[in-house]
Amino acid sequence: MLEDQAQALKPIVKEILHELLLQERETLTDVIYEVIEDIALAKAIEEGLHDENVSREEIFSLLAE
């Protein structure tokens, strides 16, 4: 009986998710951009752990240019 109910609910859940994605497309896009940004930041941090350290003065001199 439970299996029958699950099968009956499956198309309803699919339709609800489809409508939600259509209505909240902008929000979903924002979330995807945030995830990509977080992945890029994590990779940059990981790469930075293996590079040599740079002094504070060197950084500020580059920013001043």
C-alpha atoms as a PDB file:
ATOM      1  CA  MET A   1       0.000   0.000   0.000  1.00  0.00           C
ATOM      2  CA  LEU A   2       2.793   2.404   0.879  1.00  0.00           C
ATOM      3  CA  GLU A   3       4.503   1.714  -2.450  1.00  0.00           C
ATOM      4  CA  ASP A   4       1.294   2.600  -4.315  1.00  0.00           C
ATOM      5  CA  GLN A   5       1.008   5.876  -2.423  1.00  0.00           C
ATOM      6  CA  ALA A   6       4.635   6.724  -3.196  1.00  0.00           C
ATOM      7  CA  GLN A   7       4.074   6.047  -6.883  1.00  0.00           C
ATOM      8  CA  ALA A   8       0.930   8.199  -6.865  1.00  0.00           C
ATOM      9  CA  LEU A   9       2.785  11.105  -5.200  1.00  0.00           C
ATOM     10  CA  LYS A  10       5.787  10.991  -7.534  1.00  0.00           C
ATOM     11  CA  PRO A  11       4.213  12.963 -10.446  1.00  0.00           C
ATOM     12  CA  ILE A  12       2.724  15.473  -8.009  1.00  0.00           C
ATOM     13  CA  VAL A  13       6.111  16.112  -6.397  1.00  0.00           C
ATOM     14  CA  LYS A  14       7.726  16.451  -9.832  1.00  0.00           C
ATOM     15  CA  GLU A  15       5.136  19.015 -10.881  1.00  0.00           C
ATOM     16  CA  ILE A  16       5.581  20.998  -7.657  1.00  0.00           C
ATOM     17  CA  LEU A  17       9.362  21.053  -8.087  1.00  0.00           C
ATOM     18  CA  HIS A  18       8.995  22.090 -11.714  1.00  0.00           C
ATOM     19  CA  GLU A  19       6.704  24.988 -10.800  1.00  0.00           C
ATOM     20  CA  LEU A  20       8.967  26.028  -7.941  1.00  0.00           C
ATOM     21  CA  LEU A  21      12.014  26.107 -10.203  1.00  0.00           C
ATOM     22  CA  LEU A  22      10.147  28.180 -12.773  1.00  0.00           C
ATOM     23  CA  GLN A  23       8.895  30.657 -10.193  1.00  0.00           C
ATOM     24  CA  GLU A  24      12.165  30.905  -8.275  1.00  0.00           C
ATOM     25  CA  ARG A  25      14.541  30.888 -11.236  1.00  0.00           C
ATOM     26  CA  GLU A  26      16.351  34.055 -10.163  1.00  0.00           C
ATOM     27  CA  THR A  27      16.887  32.723  -6.644  1.00  0.00           C
ATOM     28  CA  LEU A  28      18.195  29.444  -8.017  1.00  0.00           C
ATOM     29  CA  THR A  29      20.563  31.318 -10.330  1.00  0.00           C
ATOM     30  CA  ASP A  30      21.860  33.358  -7.392  1.00  0.00           C
ATOM     31  CA  VAL A  31      22.474  30.195  -5.384  1.00  0.00           C
ATOM     32  CA  ILE A  32      24.384  28.599  -8.270  1.00  0.00           C
ATOM     33  CA  TYR A  33      26.566  31.710  -8.651  1.00  0.00           C
ATOM     34  CA  GLU A  34      27.288  31.683  -4.905  1.00  0.00           C
ATOM     35  CA  VAL A  35      28.306  28.018  -5.032  1.00  0.00           C
ATOM     36  CA  ILE A  36      30.632  28.642  -7.985  1.00  0.00           C
ATOM     37  CA  GLU A  37      32.131  31.634  -6.175  1.00  0.00           C
ATOM     38  CA  ASP A  38      32.702  29.561  -3.021  1.00  0.00           C
ATOM     39  CA  ILE A  39      34.389  26.788  -5.019  1.00  0.00           C
ATOM     40  CA  ALA A  40      36.682  29.309  -6.745  1.00  0.00           C
ATOM     41  CA  LEU A  41      37.562  30.925  -3.409  1.00  0.00           C
ATOM     42  CA  ALA A  42      38.327  27.531  -1.843  1.00  0.00           C
ATOM     43  CA  LYS A  43      40.610  26.654  -4.771  1.00  0.00           C
ATOM     44  CA  ALA A  44      42.384  30.015  -4.507  1.00  0.00           C
ATOM     45  CA  ILE A  45      42.926  29.507  -0.782  1.00  0.00           C
ATOM     46  CA  GLU A  46      44.244  25.996  -1.373  1.00  0.00           C
ATOM     47  CA  GLU A  47      46.666  27.245  -4.040  1.00  0.00           C
ATOM     48  CA  GLY A  48      47.749  30.066  -1.754  1.00  0.00           C
ATOM     49  CA  LEU A  49      48.695  27.609   0.966  1.00  0.00           C
ATOM     50  CA  HIS A  50      51.414  26.219  -1.299  1.00  0.00           C
ATOM     51  CA  ASP A  51      52.811  29.560  -2.506  1.00  0.00           C
ATOM     52  CA  GLU A  52      55.433  31.605  -0.711  1.00  0.00           C
ATOM     53  CA  ASN A  53      54.284  34.314   1.664  1.00  0.00           C
ATOM     54  CA  VAL A  54      54.153  37.934   0.531  1.00  0.00           C
ATOM     55  CA  SER A  55      54.703  40.858   2.860  1.00  0.00           C
ATOM     56  CA  ARG A  56      51.949  43.287   3.733  1.00  0.00           C
ATOM     57  CA  GLU A  57      53.932  46.116   2.147  1.00  0.00           C
ATOM     58  CA  GLU A  58      54.141  44.263  -1.177  1.00  0.00           C
ATOM     59  CA  ILE A  59      50.376  43.773  -1.233  1.00  0.00           C
ATOM     60  CA  PHE A  60      49.614  47.408  -0.431  1.00  0.00           C
ATOM     61  CA  SER A  61      52.110  48.638  -2.997  1.00  0.00           C
ATOM     62  CA  LEU A  62      50.309  46.552  -5.671  1.00  0.00           C
ATOM     63  CA  LEU A  63      46.932  47.889  -4.558  1.00  0.00           C
ATOM     64  CA  ALA A  64      48.191  51.477  -4.707  1.00  0.00           C
ATOM     65  CA  GLU A  65      49.115  51.155  -8.404  1.00  0.00           C
END
